[in-house]
């Protein structure tokens, strides 16, 4: 019973009687501008100063990556291995290589000291 009624509802004959919609997509610029909100109208004018938008954009650009970096590099996820451990190990190696001197740099550091001691 249900299949017969569903078949009638979905048949071509029932769909062909639907009214056709007139779709005209070629609107002129003046017709498009009538739908826009008038910015000079005091009822629709935004009460916030323009610096609010710039400040909120800057804060979101700083806060979102800062939060991500905090949870990746600083937050304590426990003593077990977790997904951020490889990144943390890489950052630790980079920090260690940045703050340690290479053998050539150590020689440079020792040579001016020895030269200044011998000249005194």
PDB file of N, CA and C in Angstrom:
ATOM      1  N   UNK A   1       0.819  -1.182   0.000  1.00  0.00           N
ATOM      2  CA  UNK A   1       0.000   0.000   0.000  1.00  0.00           C
ATOM      3  C   UNK A   1       0.873   1.260   0.000  1.00  0.00           C
ATOM      4  N   UNK A   2       1.872   1.268   0.893  1.00  0.00           N
ATOM      5  CA  UNK A   2       2.733   2.437   0.994  1.00  0.00           C
ATOM      6  C   UNK A   2       3.554   2.624  -0.274  1.00  0.00           C
ATOM      7  N   UNK A   3       4.000   1.523  -0.881  1.00  0.00           N
ATOM      8  CA  UNK A   3       4.805   1.633  -2.089  1.00  0.00           C
ATOM      9  C   UNK A   3       3.992   2.223  -3.235  1.00  0.00           C
ATOM     10  N   UNK A   4       2.755   1.888  -3.351  1.00  0.00           N
ATOM     11  CA  UNK A   4       1.930   2.432  -4.438  1.00  0.00           C
ATOM     12  C   UNK A   4       1.747   3.933  -4.259  1.00  0.00           C
ATOM     13  N   UNK A   5       1.478   4.358  -3.036  1.00  0.00           N
ATOM     14  CA  UNK A   5       1.294   5.798  -2.808  1.00  0.00           C
ATOM     15  C   UNK A   5       2.598   6.550  -3.032  1.00  0.00           C
ATOM     16  N   UNK A   6       3.701   5.966  -2.621  1.00  0.00           N
ATOM     17  CA  UNK A   6       4.987   6.604  -2.829  1.00  0.00           C
ATOM     18  C   UNK A   6       5.308   6.676  -4.315  1.00  0.00           C
ATOM     19  N   UNK A   7       4.964   5.619  -5.039  1.00  0.00           N
ATOM     20  CA  UNK A   7       5.184   5.614  -6.475  1.00  0.00           C
ATOM     21  C   UNK A   7       4.397   6.704  -7.170  1.00  0.00           C
ATOM     22  N   UNK A   8       3.157   6.926  -6.741  1.00  0.00           N
ATOM     23  CA  UNK A   8       2.345   7.994  -7.340  1.00  0.00           C
ATOM     24  C   UNK A   8       2.911   9.369  -7.026  1.00  0.00           C
ATOM     25  N   UNK A   9       3.400   9.514  -5.804  1.00  0.00           N
ATOM     26  CA  UNK A   9       3.945  10.818  -5.421  1.00  0.00           C
ATOM     27  C   UNK A   9       5.202  11.159  -6.213  1.00  0.00           C
ATOM     28  N   UNK A  10       5.974  10.148  -6.510  1.00  0.00           N
ATOM     29  CA  UNK A  10       7.231  10.401  -7.194  1.00  0.00           C
ATOM     30  C   UNK A  10       7.150  10.226  -8.704  1.00  0.00           C
ATOM     31  N   UNK A  11       5.992   9.938  -9.210  1.00  0.00           N
ATOM     32  CA  UNK A  11       5.873   9.728 -10.654  1.00  0.00           C
ATOM     33  C   UNK A  11       6.070  11.031 -11.412  1.00  0.00           C
ATOM     34  N   UNK A  12       6.376  10.896 -12.670  1.00  0.00           N
ATOM     35  CA  UNK A  12       6.613  12.087 -13.507  1.00  0.00           C
ATOM     36  C   UNK A  12       5.356  12.922 -13.659  1.00  0.00           C
ATOM     37  N   UNK A  13       4.238  12.275 -13.647  1.00  0.00           N
ATOM     38  CA  UNK A  13       2.988  13.001 -13.858  1.00  0.00           C
ATOM     39  C   UNK A  13       2.745  13.976 -12.710  1.00  0.00           C
ATOM     40  N   UNK A  14       3.024  13.583 -11.486  1.00  0.00           N
ATOM     41  CA  UNK A  14       2.788  14.477 -10.362  1.00  0.00           C
ATOM     42  C   UNK A  14       3.828  15.597 -10.319  1.00  0.00           C
ATOM     43  N   UNK A  15       5.033  15.319 -10.798  1.00  0.00           N
ATOM     44  CA  UNK A  15       6.069  16.351 -10.788  1.00  0.00           C
ATOM     45  C   UNK A  15       5.916  17.333 -11.936  1.00  0.00           C
ATOM     46  N   UNK A  16       5.276  16.914 -13.023  1.00  0.00           N
ATOM     47  CA  UNK A  16       5.146  17.808 -14.173  1.00  0.00           C
ATOM     48  C   UNK A  16       4.137  18.914 -13.927  1.00  0.00           C
ATOM     49  N   UNK A  17       3.270  18.768 -12.935  1.00  0.00           N
ATOM     50  CA  UNK A  17       2.278  19.804 -12.663  1.00  0.00           C
ATOM     51  C   UNK A  17       2.806  20.903 -11.755  1.00  0.00           C
ATOM     52  N   UNK A  18       4.053  20.778 -11.315  1.00  0.00           N
ATOM     53  CA  UNK A  18       4.628  21.798 -10.443  1.00  0.00           C
ATOM     54  C   UNK A  18       4.825  23.081 -11.236  1.00  0.00           C
ATOM     55  N   UNK A  19       4.500  24.211 -10.637  1.00  0.00           N
ATOM     56  CA  UNK A  19       4.656  25.475 -11.370  1.00  0.00           C
ATOM     57  C   UNK A  19       6.137  25.770 -11.615  1.00  0.00           C
ATOM     58  N   UNK A  20       6.407  26.323 -12.766  1.00  0.00           N
ATOM     59  CA  UNK A  20       7.778  26.681 -13.100  1.00  0.00           C
ATOM     60  C   UNK A  20       8.127  27.995 -12.424  1.00  0.00           C
ATOM     61  N   UNK A  21       9.345  28.046 -11.917  1.00  0.00           N
ATOM     62  CA  UNK A  21       9.801  29.263 -11.268  1.00  0.00           C
ATOM     63  C   UNK A  21      10.548  30.115 -12.269  1.00  0.00           C
ATOM     64  N   UNK A  22      10.298  31.397 -12.208  1.00  0.00           N
ATOM     65  CA  UNK A  22      10.992  32.330 -13.087  1.00  0.00           C
ATOM     66  C   UNK A  22      12.285  32.735 -12.387  1.00  0.00           C
ATOM     67  N   UNK A  23      13.387  32.283 -12.915  1.00  0.00           N
ATOM     68  CA  UNK A  23      14.686  32.592 -12.321  1.00  0.00           C
ATOM     69  C   UNK A  23      15.450  33.510 -13.253  1.00  0.00           C
ATOM     70  N   UNK A  24      15.589  34.745 -12.843  1.00  0.00           N
ATOM     71  CA  UNK A  24      16.329  35.726 -13.620  1.00  0.00           C
ATOM     72  C   UNK A  24      17.529  36.151 -12.779  1.00  0.00           C
ATOM     73  N   UNK A  25      18.694  35.724 -13.207  1.00  0.00           N
ATOM     74  CA  UNK A  25      19.896  36.019 -12.443  1.00  0.00           C
ATOM     75  C   UNK A  25      20.618  37.269 -12.929  1.00  0.00           C
ATOM     76  N   UNK A  26      20.122  37.901 -13.947  1.00  0.00           N
ATOM     77  CA  UNK A  26      20.791  39.091 -14.463  1.00  0.00           C
ATOM     78  C   UNK A  26      20.177  40.329 -13.818  1.00  0.00           C
ATOM     79  N   UNK A  27      20.691  40.673 -12.657  1.00  0.00           N
ATOM     80  CA  UNK A  27      20.220  41.856 -11.950  1.00  0.00           C
ATOM     81  C   UNK A  27      21.183  43.001 -12.215  1.00  0.00           C
ATOM     82  N   UNK A  28      20.656  44.179 -12.287  1.00  0.00           N
ATOM     83  CA  UNK A  28      21.497  45.348 -12.517  1.00  0.00           C
ATOM     84  C   UNK A  28      22.150  45.772 -11.204  1.00  0.00           C
ATOM     85  N   UNK A  29      23.127  46.637 -11.317  1.00  0.00           N
ATOM     86  CA  UNK A  29      23.857  47.102 -10.137  1.00  0.00           C
ATOM     87  C   UNK A  29      22.931  47.896  -9.225  1.00  0.00           C
ATOM     88  N   UNK A  30      22.033  48.671  -9.789  1.00  0.00           N
ATOM     89  CA  UNK A  30      21.120  49.453  -8.953  1.00  0.00           C
ATOM     90  C   UNK A  30      20.182  48.543  -8.171  1.00  0.00           C
ATOM     91  N   UNK A  31      19.787  47.407  -8.751  1.00  0.00           N
ATOM     92  CA  UNK A  31      18.932  46.474  -8.026  1.00  0.00           C
ATOM     93  C   UNK A  31      19.703  45.806  -6.896  1.00  0.00           C
ATOM     94  N   UNK A  32      20.962  45.528  -7.107  1.00  0.00           N
ATOM     95  CA  UNK A  32      21.767  44.921  -6.056  1.00  0.00           C
ATOM     96  C   UNK A  32      22.017  45.893  -4.916  1.00  0.00           C
ATOM     97  N   UNK A  33      22.212  47.166  -5.229  1.00  0.00           N
ATOM     98  CA  UNK A  33      22.501  48.158  -4.199  1.00  0.00           C
ATOM     99  C   UNK A  33      21.292  48.455  -3.323  1.00  0.00           C
ATOM    100  N   UNK A  34      20.083  48.206  -3.795  1.00  0.00           N
ATOM    101  CA  UNK A  34      18.903  48.470  -2.973  1.00  0.00           C
ATOM    102  C   UNK A  34      18.795  47.480  -1.821  1.00  0.00           C
ATOM    103  N   UNK A  35      19.413  46.313  -1.962  1.00  0.00           N
ATOM    104  CA  UNK A  35      19.351  45.311  -0.902  1.00  0.00           C
ATOM    105  C   UNK A  35      20.404  45.541   0.176  1.00  0.00           C
ATOM    106  N   UNK A  36      21.369  46.369  -0.075  1.00  0.00           N
ATOM    107  CA  UNK A  36      22.437  46.610   0.884  1.00  0.00           C
ATOM    108  C   UNK A  36      21.978  47.576   1.968  1.00  0.00           C
ATOM    109  N   UNK A  37      22.657  47.480   3.104  1.00  0.00           N
ATOM    110  CA  UNK A  37      22.345  48.355   4.234  1.00  0.00           C
ATOM    111  C   UNK A  37      23.032  49.687   4.018  1.00  0.00           C
ATOM    112  N   UNK A  38      22.321  50.751   4.253  1.00  0.00           N
ATOM    113  CA  UNK A  38      22.884  52.092   4.116  1.00  0.00           C
ATOM    114  C   UNK A  38      23.776  52.360   5.317  1.00  0.00           C
ATOM    115  N   UNK A  39      25.070  52.609   5.074  1.00  0.00           N
ATOM    116  CA  UNK A  39      26.018  52.788   6.170  1.00  0.00           C
ATOM    117  C   UNK A  39      25.854  54.125   6.875  1.00  0.00           C
ATOM    118  N   UNK A  40      25.250  55.093   6.239  1.00  0.00           N
ATOM    119  CA  UNK A  40      25.075  56.403   6.861  1.00  0.00           C
ATOM    120  C   UNK A  40      23.804  56.481   7.696  1.00  0.00           C
ATOM    121  N   UNK A  41      22.975  55.470   7.608  1.00  0.00           N
ATOM    122  CA  UNK A  41      21.735  55.458   8.366  1.00  0.00           C
ATOM    123  C   UNK A  41      22.057  55.262   9.847  1.00  0.00           C
ATOM    124  N   UNK A  42      21.619  56.172  10.731  1.00  0.00           N
ATOM    125  CA  UNK A  42      21.978  56.047  12.151  1.00  0.00           C
ATOM    126  C   UNK A  42      21.401  54.800  12.818  1.00  0.00           C
ATOM    127  N   UNK A  43      20.306  54.257  12.289  1.00  0.00           N
ATOM    128  CA  UNK A  43      19.728  53.059  12.905  1.00  0.00           C
ATOM    129  C   UNK A  43      20.569  51.814  12.633  1.00  0.00           C
ATOM    130  N   UNK A  44      21.228  51.749  11.483  1.00  0.00           N
ATOM    131  CA  UNK A  44      22.007  50.574  11.127  1.00  0.00           C
ATOM    132  C   UNK A  44      23.502  50.782  11.300  1.00  0.00           C
ATOM    133  N   UNK A  45      23.922  51.969  11.698  1.00  0.00           N
ATOM    134  CA  UNK A  45      25.338  52.240  11.854  1.00  0.00           C
ATOM    135  C   UNK A  45      25.871  51.512  13.086  1.00  0.00           C
ATOM    136  N   UNK A  46      27.067  50.941  12.954  1.00  0.00           N
ATOM    137  CA  UNK A  46      27.676  50.199  14.043  1.00  0.00           C
ATOM    138  C   UNK A  46      28.191  51.178  15.084  1.00  0.00           C
ATOM    139  N   UNK A  47      27.920  50.894  16.344  1.00  0.00           N
ATOM    140  CA  UNK A  47      28.297  51.792  17.422  1.00  0.00           C
ATOM    141  C   UNK A  47      29.746  51.622  17.857  1.00  0.00           C
ATOM    142  N   UNK A  48      30.428  50.552  17.402  1.00  0.00           N
ATOM    143  CA  UNK A  48      31.805  50.294  17.821  1.00  0.00           C
ATOM    144  C   UNK A  48      32.777  51.090  16.951  1.00  0.00           C
ATOM    145  N   UNK A  49      33.835  51.617  17.541  1.00  0.00           N
ATOM    146  CA  UNK A  49      34.839  52.315  16.743  1.00  0.00           C
ATOM    147  C   UNK A  49      35.628  51.324  15.884  1.00  0.00           C
ATOM    148  N   UNK A  50      36.279  51.828  14.856  1.00  0.00           N
ATOM    149  CA  UNK A  50      36.963  50.958  13.903  1.00  0.00           C
ATOM    150  C   UNK A  50      38.160  50.238  14.522  1.00  0.00           C
ATOM    151  N   UNK A  51      38.784  50.791  15.548  1.00  0.00           N
ATOM    152  CA  UNK A  51      39.944  50.138  16.143  1.00  0.00           C
ATOM    153  C   UNK A  51      39.570  48.840  16.844  1.00  0.00           C
ATOM    154  N   UNK A  52      38.310  48.658  17.191  1.00  0.00           N
ATOM    155  CA  UNK A  52      37.880  47.419  17.847  1.00  0.00           C
ATOM    156  C   UNK A  52      38.088  46.229  16.920  1.00  0.00           C
ATOM    157  N   UNK A  53      37.771  46.408  15.653  1.00  0.00           N
ATOM    158  CA  UNK A  53      37.910  45.316  14.689  1.00  0.00           C
ATOM    159  C   UNK A  53      39.384  44.973  14.466  1.00  0.00           C
ATOM    160  N   UNK A  54      40.224  45.977  14.354  1.00  0.00           N
ATOM    161  CA  UNK A  54      41.653  45.738  14.156  1.00  0.00           C
ATOM    162  C   UNK A  54      42.270  45.072  15.376  1.00  0.00           C
ATOM    163  N   UNK A  55      41.876  45.508  16.551  1.00  0.00           N
ATOM    164  CA  UNK A  55      42.413  44.926  17.774  1.00  0.00           C
ATOM    165  C   UNK A  55      41.960  43.481  17.943  1.00  0.00           C
ATOM    166  N   UNK A  56      40.690  43.204  17.670  1.00  0.00           N
ATOM    167  CA  UNK A  56      40.207  41.832  17.824  1.00  0.00           C
ATOM    168  C   UNK A  56      40.867  40.902  16.806  1.00  0.00           C
ATOM    169  N   UNK A  57      41.139  41.398  15.600  1.00  0.00           N
ATOM    170  CA  UNK A  57      41.835  40.582  14.606  1.00  0.00           C
ATOM    171  C   UNK A  57      43.271  40.299  15.060  1.00  0.00           C
ATOM    172  N   UNK A  58      43.953  41.306  15.568  1.00  0.00           N
ATOM    173  CA  UNK A  58      45.323  41.131  16.043  1.00  0.00           C
ATOM    174  C   UNK A  58      45.371  40.161  17.224  1.00  0.00           C
ATOM    175  N   UNK A  59      44.437  40.310  18.153  1.00  0.00           N
ATOM    176  CA  UNK A  59      44.403  39.419  19.311  1.00  0.00           C
ATOM    177  C   UNK A  59      44.155  37.980  18.875  1.00  0.00           C
ATOM    178  N   UNK A  60      43.254  37.772  17.928  1.00  0.00           N
ATOM    179  CA  UNK A  60      42.988  36.404  17.479  1.00  0.00           C
ATOM    180  C   UNK A  60      44.186  35.829  16.724  1.00  0.00           C
ATOM    181  N   UNK A  61      44.907  36.664  15.964  1.00  0.00           N
ATOM    182  CA  UNK A  61      46.101  36.185  15.259  1.00  0.00           C
ATOM    183  C   UNK A  61      47.217  35.804  16.238  1.00  0.00           C
ATOM    184  N   UNK A  62      47.254  36.425  17.393  1.00  0.00           N
ATOM    185  CA  UNK A  62      48.279  36.109  18.383  1.00  0.00           C
ATOM    186  C   UNK A  62      47.841  35.008  19.344  1.00  0.00           C
ATOM    187  N   UNK A  63      46.582  35.015  19.720  1.00  0.00           N
ATOM    188  CA  UNK A  63      46.097  34.101  20.735  1.00  0.00           C
ATOM    189  C   UNK A  63      45.974  32.664  20.235  1.00  0.00           C
ATOM    190  N   UNK A  64      45.513  32.467  19.040  1.00  0.00           N
ATOM    191  CA  UNK A  64      45.313  31.103  18.530  1.00  0.00           C
ATOM    192  C   UNK A  64      46.641  30.364  18.351  1.00  0.00           C
ATOM    193  N   UNK A  65      47.635  30.927  17.642  1.00  0.00           N
ATOM    194  CA  UNK A  65      48.917  30.202  17.564  1.00  0.00           C
ATOM    195  C   UNK A  65      49.616  30.092  18.918  1.00  0.00           C
ATOM    196  N   UNK A  66      49.476  31.104  19.760  1.00  0.00           N
ATOM    197  CA  UNK A  66      50.096  31.043  21.077  1.00  0.00           C
ATOM    198  C   UNK A  66      49.523  29.916  21.915  1.00  0.00           C
ATOM    199  N   UNK A  67      48.225  29.720  21.850  1.00  0.00           N
ATOM    200  CA  UNK A  67      47.590  28.625  22.573  1.00  0.00           C
ATOM    201  C   UNK A  67      48.044  27.281  22.026  1.00  0.00           C
ATOM    202  N   UNK A  68      48.128  27.178  20.709  1.00  0.00           N
ATOM    203  CA  UNK A  68      48.589  25.922  20.102  1.00  0.00           C
ATOM    204  C   UNK A  68      50.025  25.618  20.524  1.00  0.00           C
ATOM    205  N   UNK A  69      50.909  26.606  20.496  1.00  0.00           N
ATOM    206  CA  UNK A  69      52.290  26.391  20.912  1.00  0.00           C
ATOM    207  C   UNK A  69      52.388  26.022  22.389  1.00  0.00           C
ATOM    208  N   UNK A  70      51.552  26.625  23.210  1.00  0.00           N
ATOM    209  CA  UNK A  70      51.552  26.288  24.630  1.00  0.00           C
ATOM    210  C   UNK A  70      51.192  24.821  24.831  1.00  0.00           C
ATOM    211  N   UNK A  71      50.128  24.367  24.181  1.00  0.00           N
ATOM    212  CA  UNK A  71      49.708  22.977  24.376  1.00  0.00           C
ATOM    213  C   UNK A  71      50.674  21.984  23.738  1.00  0.00           C
ATOM    214  N   UNK A  72      51.383  22.392  22.714  1.00  0.00           N
ATOM    215  CA  UNK A  72      52.340  21.479  22.080  1.00  0.00           C
ATOM    216  C   UNK A  72      53.646  21.432  22.853  1.00  0.00           C
ATOM    217  N   UNK A  73      54.183  22.581  23.262  1.00  0.00           N
ATOM    218  CA  UNK A  73      55.530  22.626  23.814  1.00  0.00           C
ATOM    219  C   UNK A  73      55.610  22.700  25.337  1.00  0.00           C
ATOM    220  N   UNK A  74      54.625  23.275  26.014  1.00  0.00           N
ATOM    221  CA  UNK A  74      54.764  23.560  27.433  1.00  0.00           C
ATOM    222  C   UNK A  74      53.842  22.708  28.304  1.00  0.00           C
ATOM    223  N   UNK A  75      52.612  22.493  27.904  1.00  0.00           N
ATOM    224  CA  UNK A  75      51.622  21.802  28.732  1.00  0.00           C
ATOM    225  C   UNK A  75      52.098  20.404  29.100  1.00  0.00           C
ATOM    226  N   UNK A  76      51.871  20.011  30.360  1.00  0.00           N
ATOM    227  CA  UNK A  76      52.304  18.706  30.844  1.00  0.00           C
ATOM    228  C   UNK A  76      51.238  17.662  30.509  1.00  0.00           C
ATOM    229  N   UNK A  77      51.558  16.806  29.549  1.00  0.00           N
ATOM    230  CA  UNK A  77      50.633  15.746  29.138  1.00  0.00           C
ATOM    231  C   UNK A  77      50.846  14.462  29.927  1.00  0.00           C
ATOM    232  N   UNK A  78      51.741  14.457  30.859  1.00  0.00           N
ATOM    233  CA  UNK A  78      52.030  13.270  31.665  1.00  0.00           C
ATOM    234  C   UNK A  78      53.377  12.679  31.286  1.00  0.00           C
ATOM    235  N   UNK A  79      53.729  11.598  31.968  1.00  0.00           N
ATOM    236  CA  UNK A  79      55.030  10.978  31.758  1.00  0.00           C
ATOM    237  C   UNK A  79      55.049   9.979  30.613  1.00  0.00           C
ATOM    238  N   UNK A  80      53.914   9.683  30.040  1.00  0.00           N
ATOM    239  CA  UNK A  80      53.858   8.701  28.957  1.00  0.00           C
ATOM    240  C   UNK A  80      54.170   9.354  27.605  1.00  0.00           C
ATOM    241  N   UNK A  81      54.448   8.525  26.629  1.00  0.00           N
ATOM    242  CA  UNK A  81      54.718   8.996  25.268  1.00  0.00           C
ATOM    243  C   UNK A  81      53.408   9.505  24.658  1.00  0.00           C
ATOM    244  N   UNK A  82      53.447  10.689  24.116  1.00  0.00           N
ATOM    245  CA  UNK A  82      52.250  11.253  23.476  1.00  0.00           C
ATOM    246  C   UNK A  82      52.618  11.809  22.118  1.00  0.00           C
ATOM    247  N   UNK A  83      51.639  12.322  21.426  1.00  0.00           N
ATOM    248  CA  UNK A  83      51.813  12.701  20.028  1.00  0.00           C
ATOM    249  C   UNK A  83      52.765  13.884  19.847  1.00  0.00           C
ATOM    250  N   UNK A  84      52.941  14.703  20.878  1.00  0.00           N
ATOM    251  CA  UNK A  84      53.796  15.880  20.744  1.00  0.00           C
ATOM    252  C   UNK A  84      55.246  15.617  21.149  1.00  0.00           C
ATOM    253  N   UNK A  85      55.569  14.427  21.598  1.00  0.00           N
ATOM    254  CA  UNK A  85      56.939  14.122  22.020  1.00  0.00           C
ATOM    255  C   UNK A  85      57.965  14.315  20.913  1.00  0.00           C
ATOM    256  N   UNK A  86      57.744  13.867  19.672  1.00  0.00           N
ATOM    257  CA  UNK A  86      58.763  14.110  18.630  1.00  0.00           C
ATOM    258  C   UNK A  86      59.023  15.598  18.394  1.00  0.00           C
ATOM    259  N   UNK A  87      57.981  16.396  18.432  1.00  0.00           N
ATOM    260  CA  UNK A  87      58.157  17.845  18.234  1.00  0.00           C
ATOM    261  C   UNK A  87      58.931  18.439  19.401  1.00  0.00           C
ATOM    262  N   UNK A  88      58.618  17.990  20.607  1.00  0.00           N
ATOM    263  CA  UNK A  88      59.321  18.496  21.786  1.00  0.00           C
ATOM    264  C   UNK A  88      60.793  18.092  21.769  1.00  0.00           C
ATOM    265  N   UNK A  89      61.086  16.874  21.330  1.00  0.00           N
ATOM    266  CA  UNK A  89      62.490  16.443  21.241  1.00  0.00           C
ATOM    267  C   UNK A  89      63.242  17.267  20.198  1.00  0.00           C
ATOM    268  N   UNK A  90      62.609  17.536  19.063  1.00  0.00           N
ATOM    269  CA  UNK A  90      63.246  18.334  18.017  1.00  0.00           C
ATOM    270  C   UNK A  90      63.527  19.751  18.531  1.00  0.00           C
ATOM    271  N   UNK A  91      62.573  20.349  19.226  1.00  0.00           N
ATOM    272  CA  UNK A  91      62.769  21.699  19.767  1.00  0.00           C
ATOM    273  C   UNK A  91      63.885  21.686  20.802  1.00  0.00           C
ATOM    274  N   UNK A  92      63.952  20.650  21.624  1.00  0.00           N
ATOM    275  CA  UNK A  92      65.020  20.554  22.629  1.00  0.00           C
ATOM    276  C   UNK A  92      66.383  20.449  21.954  1.00  0.00           C
ATOM    277  N   UNK A  93      66.474  19.669  20.860  1.00  0.00           N
ATOM    278  CA  UNK A  93      67.752  19.579  20.128  1.00  0.00           C
ATOM    279  C   UNK A  93      68.128  20.923  19.518  1.00  0.00           C
ATOM    280  N   UNK A  94      67.161  21.636  18.965  1.00  0.00           N
ATOM    281  CA  UNK A  94      67.437  22.943  18.370  1.00  0.00           C
ATOM    282  C   UNK A  94      67.908  23.935  19.426  1.00  0.00           C
ATOM    283  N   UNK A  95      67.254  23.922  20.595  1.00  0.00           N
ATOM    284  CA  UNK A  95      67.687  24.823  21.671  1.00  0.00           C
ATOM    285  C   UNK A  95      69.090  24.472  22.143  1.00  0.00           C
ATOM    286  N   UNK A  96      69.375  23.190  22.277  1.00  0.00           N
ATOM    287  CA  UNK A  96      70.703  22.774  22.731  1.00  0.00           C
ATOM    288  C   UNK A  96      71.767  23.171  21.719  1.00  0.00           C
ATOM    289  N   UNK A  97      71.501  23.005  20.443  1.00  0.00           N
ATOM    290  CA  UNK A  97      72.489  23.386  19.430  1.00  0.00           C
ATOM    291  C   UNK A  97      72.645  24.902  19.343  1.00  0.00           C
ATOM    292  N   UNK A  98      71.614  25.633  19.657  1.00  0.00           N
ATOM    293  CA  UNK A  98      71.689  27.090  19.611  1.00  0.00           C
ATOM    294  C   UNK A  98      72.518  27.633  20.772  1.00  0.00           C
ATOM    295  N   UNK A  99      72.386  27.036  21.944  1.00  0.00           N
ATOM    296  CA  UNK A  99      73.043  27.550  23.133  1.00  0.00           C
ATOM    297  C   UNK A  99      74.395  26.908  23.421  1.00  0.00           C
ATOM    298  N   UNK A 100      74.850  25.973  22.610  1.00  0.00           N
ATOM    299  CA  UNK A 100      76.181  25.389  22.809  1.00  0.00           C
ATOM    300  C   UNK A 100      77.107  25.877  21.703  1.00  0.00           C
ATOM    301  N   UNK A 101      78.381  25.920  22.012  1.00  0.00           N
ATOM    302  CA  UNK A 101      79.372  26.382  21.052  1.00  0.00           C
ATOM    303  C   UNK A 101      79.943  25.204  20.276  1.00  0.00           C
ATOM    304  N   UNK A 102      80.230  25.437  19.016  1.00  0.00           N
ATOM    305  CA  UNK A 102      80.904  24.419  18.216  1.00  0.00           C
ATOM    306  C   UNK A 102      82.393  24.406  18.603  1.00  0.00           C
ATOM    307  N   UNK A 103      83.137  23.370  18.235  1.00  0.00           N
ATOM    308  CA  UNK A 103      84.573  23.348  18.570  1.00  0.00           C
ATOM    309  C   UNK A 103      85.330  24.548  17.996  1.00  0.00           C
ATOM    310  N   UNK A 104      84.980  24.988  16.812  1.00  0.00           N
ATOM    311  CA  UNK A 104      85.646  26.161  16.235  1.00  0.00           C
ATOM    312  C   UNK A 104      85.356  27.415  17.049  1.00  0.00           C
ATOM    313  N   UNK A 105      84.115  27.543  17.503  1.00  0.00           N
ATOM    314  CA  UNK A 105      83.753  28.703  18.301  1.00  0.00           C
ATOM    315  C   UNK A 105      84.453  28.669  19.663  1.00  0.00           C
ATOM    316  N   UNK A 106      84.617  27.467  20.225  1.00  0.00           N
ATOM    317  CA  UNK A 106      85.348  27.359  21.489  1.00  0.00           C
ATOM    318  C   UNK A 106      86.808  27.778  21.329  1.00  0.00           C
ATOM    319  N   UNK A 107      87.416  27.417  20.180  1.00  0.00           N
ATOM    320  CA  UNK A 107      88.800  27.837  19.911  1.00  0.00           C
ATOM    321  C   UNK A 107      88.887  29.355  19.792  1.00  0.00           C
ATOM    322  N   UNK A 108      87.900  29.945  19.135  1.00  0.00           N
ATOM    323  CA  UNK A 108      87.885  31.401  19.015  1.00  0.00           C
ATOM    324  C   UNK A 108      87.728  32.070  20.376  1.00  0.00           C
ATOM    325  N   UNK A 109      86.937  31.463  21.226  1.00  0.00           N
ATOM    326  CA  UNK A 109      86.747  32.026  22.555  1.00  0.00           C
ATOM    327  C   UNK A 109      88.031  31.932  23.385  1.00  0.00           C
ATOM    328  N   UNK A 110      88.791  30.868  23.212  1.00  0.00           N
ATOM    329  CA  UNK A 110      90.025  30.689  23.994  1.00  0.00           C
ATOM    330  C   UNK A 110      91.173  31.521  23.438  1.00  0.00           C
ATOM    331  N   UNK A 111      91.239  31.705  22.144  1.00  0.00           N
ATOM    332  CA  UNK A 111      92.378  32.426  21.560  1.00  0.00           C
ATOM    333  C   UNK A 111      92.431  33.898  21.962  1.00  0.00           C
ATOM    334  N   UNK A 112      91.392  34.674  22.009  1.00  0.00           N
ATOM    335  CA  UNK A 112      91.537  36.059  22.457  1.00  0.00           C
ATOM    336  C   UNK A 112      91.936  36.160  23.921  1.00  0.00           C
ATOM    337  N   UNK A 113      91.476  35.214  24.739  1.00  0.00           N
ATOM    338  CA  UNK A 113      91.861  35.236  26.140  1.00  0.00           C
ATOM    339  C   UNK A 113      93.344  34.950  26.306  1.00  0.00           C
ATOM    340  N   UNK A 114      93.856  33.973  25.567  1.00  0.00           N
ATOM    341  CA  UNK A 114      95.286  33.647  25.667  1.00  0.00           C
ATOM    342  C   UNK A 114      96.139  34.759  25.071  1.00  0.00           C
ATOM    343  N   UNK A 115      95.655  35.422  24.023  1.00  0.00           N
ATOM    344  CA  UNK A 115      96.405  36.521  23.419  1.00  0.00           C
ATOM    345  C   UNK A 115      96.450  37.721  24.360  1.00  0.00           C
ATOM    346  N   UNK A 116      95.374  37.975  25.075  1.00  0.00           N
ATOM    347  CA  UNK A 116      95.358  39.102  25.996  1.00  0.00           C
ATOM    348  C   UNK A 116      96.211  38.813  27.242  1.00  0.00           C
ATOM    349  N   UNK A 117      96.301  37.543  27.655  1.00  0.00           N
ATOM    350  CA  UNK A 117      97.128  37.183  28.809  1.00  0.00           C
ATOM    351  C   UNK A 117      98.618  37.288  28.455  1.00  0.00           C
ATOM    352  N   UNK A 118      98.966  36.884  27.246  1.00  0.00           N
ATOM    353  CA  UNK A 118     100.384  36.921  26.866  1.00  0.00           C
ATOM    354  C   UNK A 118     100.854  38.343  26.641  1.00  0.00           C
ATOM    355  N   UNK A 119      99.974  39.237  26.223  1.00  0.00           N
ATOM    356  CA  UNK A 119     100.383  40.625  25.980  1.00  0.00           C
ATOM    357  C   UNK A 119     100.505  41.413  27.274  1.00  0.00           C
ATOM    358  N   UNK A 120      99.898  40.942  28.359  1.00  0.00           N
ATOM    359  CA  UNK A 120      99.937  41.679  29.633  1.00  0.00           C
ATOM    360  C   UNK A 120     101.217  41.526  30.366  1.00  0.00           C
TER     361      UNK A 120
END
